[in-house]
Structure formats: structure tokens, C-alpha cells
Amino acid sequence: MEDLSHYNPEGSVLRRAQMRMLEILDVFDSICKKHNINYWLVCGTLLGARRHGGFIPWDDDLDVYILQSDYKKLLSILKEELPENFKLQARGTDKYYWYYYPRIRDTKSRIHNKVRGSRDNFEYQGIFIDIFLIEPVPSIQFKR
């Protein structure tokens, strides 16, 4: 594969943000393993891990899936076990947060939203990972 490191060299703002997201993922991974909660890397995160051995050079987020059935358990655990510099951001933890999926935010960083009039006036504004919820569906075989 072509060397794409020039898109995002070590030390760049994006590369530093990606490294911080990996730190959040590392904590998330440890908590999930401790409590037997499965999760999956998805979307560009999965593609980057497979194709680039890390991030897609220009990717600016990190996405995971968890089962809907683990959601309440995970939220409760994250509220108790996240390190002080990480915060769970969900509808019940940030009165301004309106997304349907939770995030884990780094409180020692800040993302500046350049969109005027943005509705994203959240209590926590740091670098984050997204946690999307999935529902398993039964396997159906059709007969002709």
C-alpha cells in the first residue's frame, strides 16, 4: 500500500488527537474486558485498523459498537470506573447532549466547533470516541 503518512505526520494536530482517542479506547477496552462486555470496532475505525494498521490517516474519529442489551450495564460501569479525566457523555449525563449514542470524552482537551450556531453546546467538549448500539437479528433462511 502507498505510504500515506504525509497526510498526517507524527506530531500533527490530527495525529495527536488520534493518539488521545487510542488512550480512551485503551481504557474502554480494559473496562469492557473486566466486565465481559463485547464491543466491535466499526466504520472507518475498523477499515483503518485493517488496512492501515491503525487509523486511516485523515480519520478524525473512533467508533465502536456494543450490544443494546449491554447498554445500561455499560453506562453504570463507565460512570463509576472511568478515570477522572474522562467523562461519559449521554442524554442522562449532559443536559445539552442530544445525540442518541453515548461518547467518552477527554476533559483535558477541547474540540473547537467552527460551525456558527451549532447545537453542540455540550458540557464536555474534548476529544471523544463514539459508542453506537446494535441489536442482534435472527438468522433467517428463505426457501424457494
N, C-alpha and C. Protein backbone atom coordinates (compact mmCIF):
# COMPACT_ATOMS: atom_id res chain seq x y z
N MET A 1 0.84 -1.18 0.00
CA MET A 1 0.00 0.00 0.00
C MET A 1 0.89 1.24 0.00
N GLU A 2 0.43 2.26 -0.67
CA GLU A 2 1.14 3.54 -0.76
C GLU A 2 1.33 4.14 0.62
N ASP A 3 2.49 4.76 0.84
CA ASP A 3 2.76 5.46 2.10
C ASP A 3 1.93 6.74 2.14
N LEU A 4 1.03 6.81 3.10
CA LEU A 4 0.14 7.97 3.22
C LEU A 4 0.48 8.83 4.43
N SER A 5 1.64 8.61 5.03
CA SER A 5 1.98 9.32 6.27
C SER A 5 2.09 10.83 6.06
N HIS A 6 2.29 11.27 4.83
CA HIS A 6 2.39 12.72 4.58
C HIS A 6 1.05 13.42 4.79
N TYR A 7 -0.06 12.65 4.78
CA TYR A 7 -1.37 13.24 5.05
C TYR A 7 -1.51 13.63 6.52
N ASN A 8 -0.80 12.93 7.37
CA ASN A 8 -0.97 13.12 8.81
C ASN A 8 0.33 12.76 9.52
N PRO A 9 1.34 13.62 9.44
CA PRO A 9 2.65 13.28 10.01
C PRO A 9 2.61 13.24 11.54
N GLU A 10 3.55 12.49 12.12
CA GLU A 10 3.68 12.46 13.58
C GLU A 10 3.80 13.88 14.10
N GLY A 11 3.09 14.15 15.19
CA GLY A 11 3.13 15.48 15.80
C GLY A 11 2.08 16.44 15.29
N SER A 12 1.40 16.09 14.20
CA SER A 12 0.35 16.98 13.69
C SER A 12 -0.81 17.00 14.69
N VAL A 13 -1.65 18.01 14.59
CA VAL A 13 -2.80 18.13 15.49
C VAL A 13 -3.68 16.89 15.38
N LEU A 14 -3.96 16.46 14.15
CA LEU A 14 -4.81 15.28 13.96
C LEU A 14 -4.16 14.04 14.55
N ARG A 15 -2.87 13.86 14.33
CA ARG A 15 -2.19 12.66 14.84
C ARG A 15 -2.21 12.64 16.36
N ARG A 16 -2.01 13.79 16.99
CA ARG A 16 -2.08 13.85 18.45
C ARG A 16 -3.49 13.51 18.94
N ALA A 17 -4.51 13.99 18.23
CA ALA A 17 -5.90 13.67 18.59
C ALA A 17 -6.15 12.17 18.44
N GLN A 18 -5.64 11.57 17.37
CA GLN A 18 -5.81 10.13 17.18
C GLN A 18 -5.16 9.34 18.32
N MET A 19 -3.99 9.77 18.75
CA MET A 19 -3.31 9.08 19.84
C MET A 19 -4.11 9.20 21.14
N ARG A 20 -4.75 10.35 21.34
CA ARG A 20 -5.59 10.53 22.53
C ARG A 20 -6.82 9.63 22.44
N MET A 21 -7.40 9.49 21.26
CA MET A 21 -8.54 8.58 21.09
C MET A 21 -8.13 7.15 21.41
N LEU A 22 -6.93 6.76 21.03
CA LEU A 22 -6.45 5.42 21.36
C LEU A 22 -6.32 5.23 22.86
N GLU A 23 -5.92 6.28 23.57
CA GLU A 23 -5.85 6.20 25.03
C GLU A 23 -7.23 5.99 25.62
N ILE A 24 -8.23 6.69 25.09
CA ILE A 24 -9.61 6.50 25.55
C ILE A 24 -10.05 5.07 25.25
N LEU A 25 -9.75 4.59 24.04
CA LEU A 25 -10.12 3.22 23.66
C LEU A 25 -9.45 2.20 24.57
N ASP A 26 -8.22 2.44 24.95
CA ASP A 26 -7.50 1.52 25.83
C ASP A 26 -8.21 1.39 27.18
N VAL A 27 -8.65 2.51 27.73
CA VAL A 27 -9.40 2.48 29.00
C VAL A 27 -10.74 1.77 28.80
N PHE A 28 -11.44 2.11 27.71
CA PHE A 28 -12.72 1.47 27.39
C PHE A 28 -12.54 -0.04 27.25
N ASP A 29 -11.50 -0.46 26.54
CA ASP A 29 -11.21 -1.87 26.34
C ASP A 29 -10.98 -2.58 27.67
N SER A 30 -10.21 -1.98 28.55
CA SER A 30 -9.93 -2.58 29.86
C SER A 30 -11.21 -2.77 30.67
N ILE A 31 -12.06 -1.75 30.66
CA ILE A 31 -13.33 -1.83 31.41
C ILE A 31 -14.23 -2.90 30.81
N CYS A 32 -14.32 -2.93 29.48
CA CYS A 32 -15.17 -3.94 28.83
C CYS A 32 -14.67 -5.36 29.12
N LYS A 33 -13.37 -5.57 29.06
CA LYS A 33 -12.81 -6.90 29.35
C LYS A 33 -13.09 -7.30 30.80
N LYS A 34 -12.90 -6.37 31.71
CA LYS A 34 -13.13 -6.63 33.13
C LYS A 34 -14.56 -7.09 33.40
N HIS A 35 -15.51 -6.53 32.66
CA HIS A 35 -16.93 -6.80 32.91
C HIS A 35 -17.58 -7.67 31.83
N ASN A 36 -16.76 -8.30 31.01
CA ASN A 36 -17.25 -9.22 29.96
C ASN A 36 -18.28 -8.57 29.04
N ILE A 37 -17.97 -7.36 28.60
CA ILE A 37 -18.83 -6.66 27.64
C ILE A 37 -18.11 -6.67 26.29
N ASN A 38 -18.76 -7.25 25.30
CA ASN A 38 -18.18 -7.29 23.96
C ASN A 38 -18.40 -5.96 23.25
N TYR A 39 -17.44 -5.59 22.43
CA TYR A 39 -17.58 -4.43 21.56
C TYR A 39 -16.84 -4.71 20.27
N TRP A 40 -17.14 -3.92 19.26
CA TRP A 40 -16.52 -4.09 17.95
C TRP A 40 -16.08 -2.75 17.41
N LEU A 41 -14.91 -2.71 16.79
CA LEU A 41 -14.51 -1.54 16.01
C LEU A 41 -15.35 -1.53 14.75
N VAL A 42 -15.79 -0.36 14.32
CA VAL A 42 -16.67 -0.27 13.14
C VAL A 42 -16.30 0.93 12.29
N CYS A 43 -16.90 0.95 11.12
CA CYS A 43 -16.80 2.07 10.16
C CYS A 43 -15.33 2.34 9.83
N GLY A 44 -14.95 3.60 9.76
CA GLY A 44 -13.57 3.95 9.41
C GLY A 44 -12.56 3.43 10.40
N THR A 45 -12.97 3.25 11.65
CA THR A 45 -12.07 2.71 12.66
C THR A 45 -11.65 1.29 12.30
N LEU A 46 -12.61 0.47 11.90
CA LEU A 46 -12.31 -0.90 11.50
C LEU A 46 -11.48 -0.92 10.22
N LEU A 47 -11.86 -0.11 9.26
CA LEU A 47 -11.12 -0.04 8.00
C LEU A 47 -9.68 0.39 8.25
N GLY A 48 -9.50 1.40 9.09
CA GLY A 48 -8.15 1.87 9.40
C GLY A 48 -7.32 0.80 10.09
N ALA A 49 -7.93 0.10 11.04
CA ALA A 49 -7.21 -0.96 11.76
C ALA A 49 -6.77 -2.05 10.80
N ARG A 50 -7.64 -2.42 9.88
CA ARG A 50 -7.34 -3.50 8.93
C ARG A 50 -6.38 -3.05 7.83
N ARG A 51 -6.70 -1.93 7.21
CA ARG A 51 -5.95 -1.51 6.03
C ARG A 51 -4.66 -0.77 6.36
N HIS A 52 -4.66 0.01 7.46
CA HIS A 52 -3.51 0.86 7.77
C HIS A 52 -2.78 0.43 9.04
N GLY A 53 -3.32 -0.57 9.74
CA GLY A 53 -2.70 -0.98 11.00
C GLY A 53 -2.87 0.07 12.08
N GLY A 54 -3.88 0.88 11.96
CA GLY A 54 -4.15 1.97 12.92
C GLY A 54 -5.31 2.79 12.41
N PHE A 55 -5.09 4.08 12.29
CA PHE A 55 -6.12 4.98 11.76
C PHE A 55 -5.96 5.16 10.26
N ILE A 56 -7.06 5.39 9.57
CA ILE A 56 -6.97 5.97 8.24
C ILE A 56 -6.30 7.33 8.47
N PRO A 57 -5.27 7.68 7.72
CA PRO A 57 -4.50 8.88 8.05
C PRO A 57 -5.34 10.15 8.28
N TRP A 58 -6.42 10.32 7.56
CA TRP A 58 -7.21 11.54 7.68
C TRP A 58 -8.45 11.37 8.56
N ASP A 59 -8.60 10.20 9.20
CA ASP A 59 -9.79 9.95 10.03
C ASP A 59 -9.68 10.72 11.34
N ASP A 60 -10.79 11.35 11.72
CA ASP A 60 -10.77 12.18 12.92
C ASP A 60 -11.74 11.70 14.00
N ASP A 61 -12.15 10.43 13.92
CA ASP A 61 -12.99 9.89 14.98
C ASP A 61 -12.72 8.41 15.17
N LEU A 62 -13.30 7.85 16.24
CA LEU A 62 -13.13 6.44 16.55
C LEU A 62 -14.50 5.92 16.96
N ASP A 63 -14.95 4.85 16.32
CA ASP A 63 -16.30 4.33 16.52
C ASP A 63 -16.27 2.88 16.97
N VAL A 64 -17.12 2.57 17.97
CA VAL A 64 -17.30 1.19 18.41
C VAL A 64 -18.79 0.89 18.50
N TYR A 65 -19.11 -0.39 18.38
CA TYR A 65 -20.48 -0.90 18.60
C TYR A 65 -20.49 -1.70 19.89
N ILE A 66 -21.60 -1.60 20.63
CA ILE A 66 -21.88 -2.52 21.72
C ILE A 66 -23.31 -3.02 21.51
N LEU A 67 -23.62 -4.13 22.13
CA LEU A 67 -24.98 -4.65 22.06
C LEU A 67 -25.92 -3.77 22.89
N GLN A 68 -27.10 -3.54 22.37
CA GLN A 68 -28.12 -2.78 23.09
C GLN A 68 -28.36 -3.38 24.48
N SER A 69 -28.32 -4.69 24.57
CA SER A 69 -28.57 -5.37 25.85
C SER A 69 -27.51 -5.07 26.91
N ASP A 70 -26.33 -4.62 26.50
CA ASP A 70 -25.26 -4.27 27.44
C ASP A 70 -25.23 -2.78 27.79
N TYR A 71 -26.09 -2.00 27.15
CA TYR A 71 -26.03 -0.54 27.25
C TYR A 71 -26.18 -0.03 28.68
N LYS A 72 -27.23 -0.40 29.36
CA LYS A 72 -27.45 0.12 30.73
C LYS A 72 -26.34 -0.33 31.67
N LYS A 73 -25.93 -1.57 31.53
CA LYS A 73 -24.83 -2.08 32.36
C LYS A 73 -23.56 -1.28 32.11
N LEU A 74 -23.24 -1.06 30.83
CA LEU A 74 -22.03 -0.32 30.49
C LEU A 74 -22.08 1.11 31.01
N LEU A 75 -23.21 1.79 30.84
CA LEU A 75 -23.31 3.17 31.32
C LEU A 75 -23.06 3.24 32.82
N SER A 76 -23.66 2.34 33.56
CA SER A 76 -23.48 2.32 35.01
C SER A 76 -22.01 2.10 35.38
N ILE A 77 -21.38 1.18 34.70
CA ILE A 77 -19.97 0.87 34.98
C ILE A 77 -19.08 2.05 34.60
N LEU A 78 -19.31 2.64 33.43
CA LEU A 78 -18.47 3.77 33.00
C LEU A 78 -18.58 4.94 33.96
N LYS A 79 -19.77 5.21 34.46
CA LYS A 79 -19.95 6.31 35.42
C LYS A 79 -19.08 6.11 36.65
N GLU A 80 -18.90 4.86 37.04
CA GLU A 80 -18.13 4.54 38.25
C GLU A 80 -16.63 4.38 37.99
N GLU A 81 -16.26 3.85 36.83
CA GLU A 81 -14.88 3.40 36.64
C GLU A 81 -14.03 4.23 35.69
N LEU A 82 -14.61 5.18 34.99
CA LEU A 82 -13.77 6.00 34.11
C LEU A 82 -12.80 6.83 34.94
N PRO A 83 -11.57 6.99 34.48
CA PRO A 83 -10.65 7.87 35.18
C PRO A 83 -11.20 9.30 35.24
N GLU A 84 -10.68 10.06 36.16
CA GLU A 84 -11.17 11.42 36.40
C GLU A 84 -11.17 12.30 35.15
N ASN A 85 -10.20 12.12 34.28
CA ASN A 85 -10.09 12.98 33.09
C ASN A 85 -10.95 12.52 31.92
N PHE A 86 -11.72 11.46 32.08
CA PHE A 86 -12.67 11.01 31.06
C PHE A 86 -14.08 11.10 31.61
N LYS A 87 -15.01 11.53 30.77
CA LYS A 87 -16.41 11.65 31.18
C LYS A 87 -17.30 10.93 30.18
N LEU A 88 -18.29 10.25 30.71
CA LEU A 88 -19.33 9.66 29.89
C LEU A 88 -20.28 10.78 29.49
N GLN A 89 -20.54 10.88 28.21
CA GLN A 89 -21.47 11.89 27.71
C GLN A 89 -22.64 11.17 27.06
N ALA A 90 -23.80 11.33 27.67
CA ALA A 90 -25.02 10.70 27.18
C ALA A 90 -26.18 11.61 27.56
N ARG A 91 -27.35 11.27 27.11
CA ARG A 91 -28.51 12.12 27.41
C ARG A 91 -28.73 12.30 28.91
N GLY A 92 -28.38 11.34 29.71
CA GLY A 92 -28.59 11.46 31.15
C GLY A 92 -27.43 12.06 31.92
N THR A 93 -26.32 12.34 31.24
CA THR A 93 -25.14 12.86 31.95
C THR A 93 -24.78 14.28 31.55
N ASP A 94 -25.35 14.78 30.48
CA ASP A 94 -25.07 16.14 29.99
C ASP A 94 -26.39 16.71 29.48
N LYS A 95 -26.91 17.70 30.17
CA LYS A 95 -28.25 18.21 29.83
C LYS A 95 -28.32 18.80 28.43
N TYR A 96 -27.19 19.13 27.83
CA TYR A 96 -27.19 19.70 26.48
C TYR A 96 -26.95 18.66 25.39
N TYR A 97 -26.63 17.45 25.79
CA TYR A 97 -26.28 16.41 24.82
C TYR A 97 -27.55 15.82 24.22
N TRP A 98 -27.65 15.83 22.90
CA TRP A 98 -28.88 15.38 22.24
C TRP A 98 -28.70 14.18 21.31
N TYR A 99 -27.47 13.72 21.11
CA TYR A 99 -27.28 12.55 20.25
C TYR A 99 -27.86 11.31 20.90
N TYR A 100 -28.24 10.33 20.10
CA TYR A 100 -28.84 9.09 20.61
C TYR A 100 -27.80 8.10 21.09
N TYR A 101 -26.54 8.31 20.83
CA TYR A 101 -25.49 7.39 21.23
C TYR A 101 -24.54 8.10 22.20
N PRO A 102 -23.95 7.36 23.13
CA PRO A 102 -23.04 7.99 24.09
C PRO A 102 -21.63 8.17 23.53
N ARG A 103 -20.88 8.97 24.24
CA ARG A 103 -19.47 9.19 23.94
C ARG A 103 -18.68 9.13 25.24
N ILE A 104 -17.41 8.84 25.10
CA ILE A 104 -16.48 9.05 26.21
C ILE A 104 -15.60 10.21 25.80
N ARG A 105 -15.57 11.25 26.63
CA ARG A 105 -14.82 12.47 26.32
C ARG A 105 -13.59 12.60 27.21
N ASP A 106 -12.56 13.15 26.64
CA ASP A 106 -11.35 13.52 27.36
C ASP A 106 -11.53 14.96 27.83
N THR A 107 -11.56 15.18 29.14
CA THR A 107 -11.81 16.53 29.67
C THR A 107 -10.56 17.41 29.66
N LYS A 108 -9.42 16.84 29.32
CA LYS A 108 -8.19 17.64 29.27
C LYS A 108 -7.92 18.19 27.87
N SER A 109 -8.88 18.02 26.99
CA SER A 109 -8.75 18.56 25.63
C SER A 109 -10.03 19.31 25.30
N ARG A 110 -9.99 20.01 24.19
CA ARG A 110 -11.18 20.74 23.75
C ARG A 110 -11.19 20.76 22.23
N ILE A 111 -12.35 20.41 21.68
CA ILE A 111 -12.54 20.50 20.24
C ILE A 111 -13.28 21.80 19.98
N HIS A 112 -12.74 22.61 19.12
CA HIS A 112 -13.38 23.88 18.79
C HIS A 112 -14.28 23.67 17.59
N ASN A 113 -15.58 23.79 17.81
CA ASN A 113 -16.55 23.64 16.73
C ASN A 113 -16.62 24.95 15.97
N LYS A 114 -16.25 24.91 14.70
CA LYS A 114 -16.19 26.13 13.89
C LYS A 114 -17.50 26.45 13.20
N VAL A 115 -18.53 25.66 13.47
CA VAL A 115 -19.83 25.89 12.83
C VAL A 115 -20.61 26.90 13.67
N ARG A 116 -20.91 28.04 13.08
CA ARG A 116 -21.67 29.07 13.81
C ARG A 116 -23.08 28.56 14.07
N GLY A 117 -23.56 28.83 15.27
CA GLY A 117 -24.92 28.43 15.61
C GLY A 117 -25.06 26.94 15.85
N SER A 118 -23.96 26.26 16.06
CA SER A 118 -24.02 24.81 16.29
C SER A 118 -24.85 24.50 17.52
N ARG A 119 -25.58 23.40 17.43
CA ARG A 119 -26.36 22.94 18.59
C ARG A 119 -25.50 22.11 19.53
N ASP A 120 -24.25 21.97 19.25
CA ASP A 120 -23.37 21.13 20.05
C ASP A 120 -22.73 21.91 21.20
N ASN A 121 -23.54 22.54 22.01
CA ASN A 121 -23.05 23.31 23.16
C ASN A 121 -23.01 22.41 24.39
N PHE A 122 -22.30 21.30 24.27
CA PHE A 122 -22.27 20.30 25.32
C PHE A 122 -21.45 20.75 26.51
N GLU A 123 -21.73 20.14 27.64
CA GLU A 123 -20.95 20.41 28.85
C GLU A 123 -19.49 20.01 28.64
N TYR A 124 -19.28 18.85 28.02
CA TYR A 124 -17.92 18.37 27.76
C TYR A 124 -17.62 18.55 26.28
N GLN A 125 -16.44 19.06 25.97
CA GLN A 125 -16.10 19.43 24.60
C GLN A 125 -14.82 18.77 24.09
N GLY A 126 -14.28 17.82 24.82
CA GLY A 126 -12.99 17.24 24.46
C GLY A 126 -13.05 16.17 23.38
N ILE A 127 -11.88 15.67 23.06
CA ILE A 127 -11.73 14.56 22.13
C ILE A 127 -12.55 13.39 22.65
N PHE A 128 -13.10 12.58 21.75
CA PHE A 128 -14.04 11.55 22.18
C PHE A 128 -13.96 10.31 21.32
N ILE A 129 -14.59 9.24 21.83
CA ILE A 129 -14.92 8.08 21.00
C ILE A 129 -16.43 7.93 21.04
N ASP A 130 -17.01 7.48 19.93
CA ASP A 130 -18.45 7.25 19.83
C ASP A 130 -18.75 5.79 20.15
N ILE A 131 -19.86 5.57 20.88
CA ILE A 131 -20.30 4.22 21.21
C ILE A 131 -21.69 4.04 20.62
N PHE A 132 -21.78 3.26 19.55
CA PHE A 132 -23.05 3.02 18.88
C PHE A 132 -23.66 1.71 19.38
N LEU A 133 -24.98 1.66 19.39
CA LEU A 133 -25.70 0.50 19.89
C LEU A 133 -26.23 -0.33 18.72
N ILE A 134 -26.12 -1.64 18.85
CA ILE A 134 -26.66 -2.54 17.82
C ILE A 134 -27.55 -3.59 18.48
N GLU A 135 -28.46 -4.09 17.69
CA GLU A 135 -29.36 -5.16 18.10
C GLU A 135 -29.05 -6.38 17.24
N PRO A 136 -28.89 -7.54 17.87
CA PRO A 136 -28.72 -8.74 17.05
C PRO A 136 -30.04 -9.09 16.37
N VAL A 137 -29.95 -9.65 15.19
CA VAL A 137 -31.15 -10.10 14.48
C VAL A 137 -31.01 -11.59 14.21
N PRO A 138 -32.13 -12.29 14.23
CA PRO A 138 -32.04 -13.73 13.98
C PRO A 138 -31.65 -14.01 12.54
N SER A 139 -31.02 -15.12 12.37
CA SER A 139 -30.65 -15.59 11.05
C SER A 139 -31.89 -16.21 10.41
N ILE A 140 -32.26 -15.74 9.26
CA ILE A 140 -33.44 -16.26 8.58
C ILE A 140 -33.01 -16.88 7.26
N GLN A 141 -33.47 -18.08 7.04
CA GLN A 141 -33.17 -18.73 5.78
C GLN A 141 -34.45 -18.80 4.96
N PHE A 142 -34.37 -18.35 3.75
CA PHE A 142 -35.52 -18.37 2.86
C PHE A 142 -35.45 -19.61 1.98
N LYS A 143 -36.60 -20.21 1.76
CA LYS A 143 -36.68 -21.37 0.88
C LYS A 143 -37.36 -20.95 -0.41
N ARG A 144 -36.93 -21.54 -1.49
CA ARG A 144 -37.55 -21.26 -2.78
C ARG A 144 -38.62 -22.23 -3.07
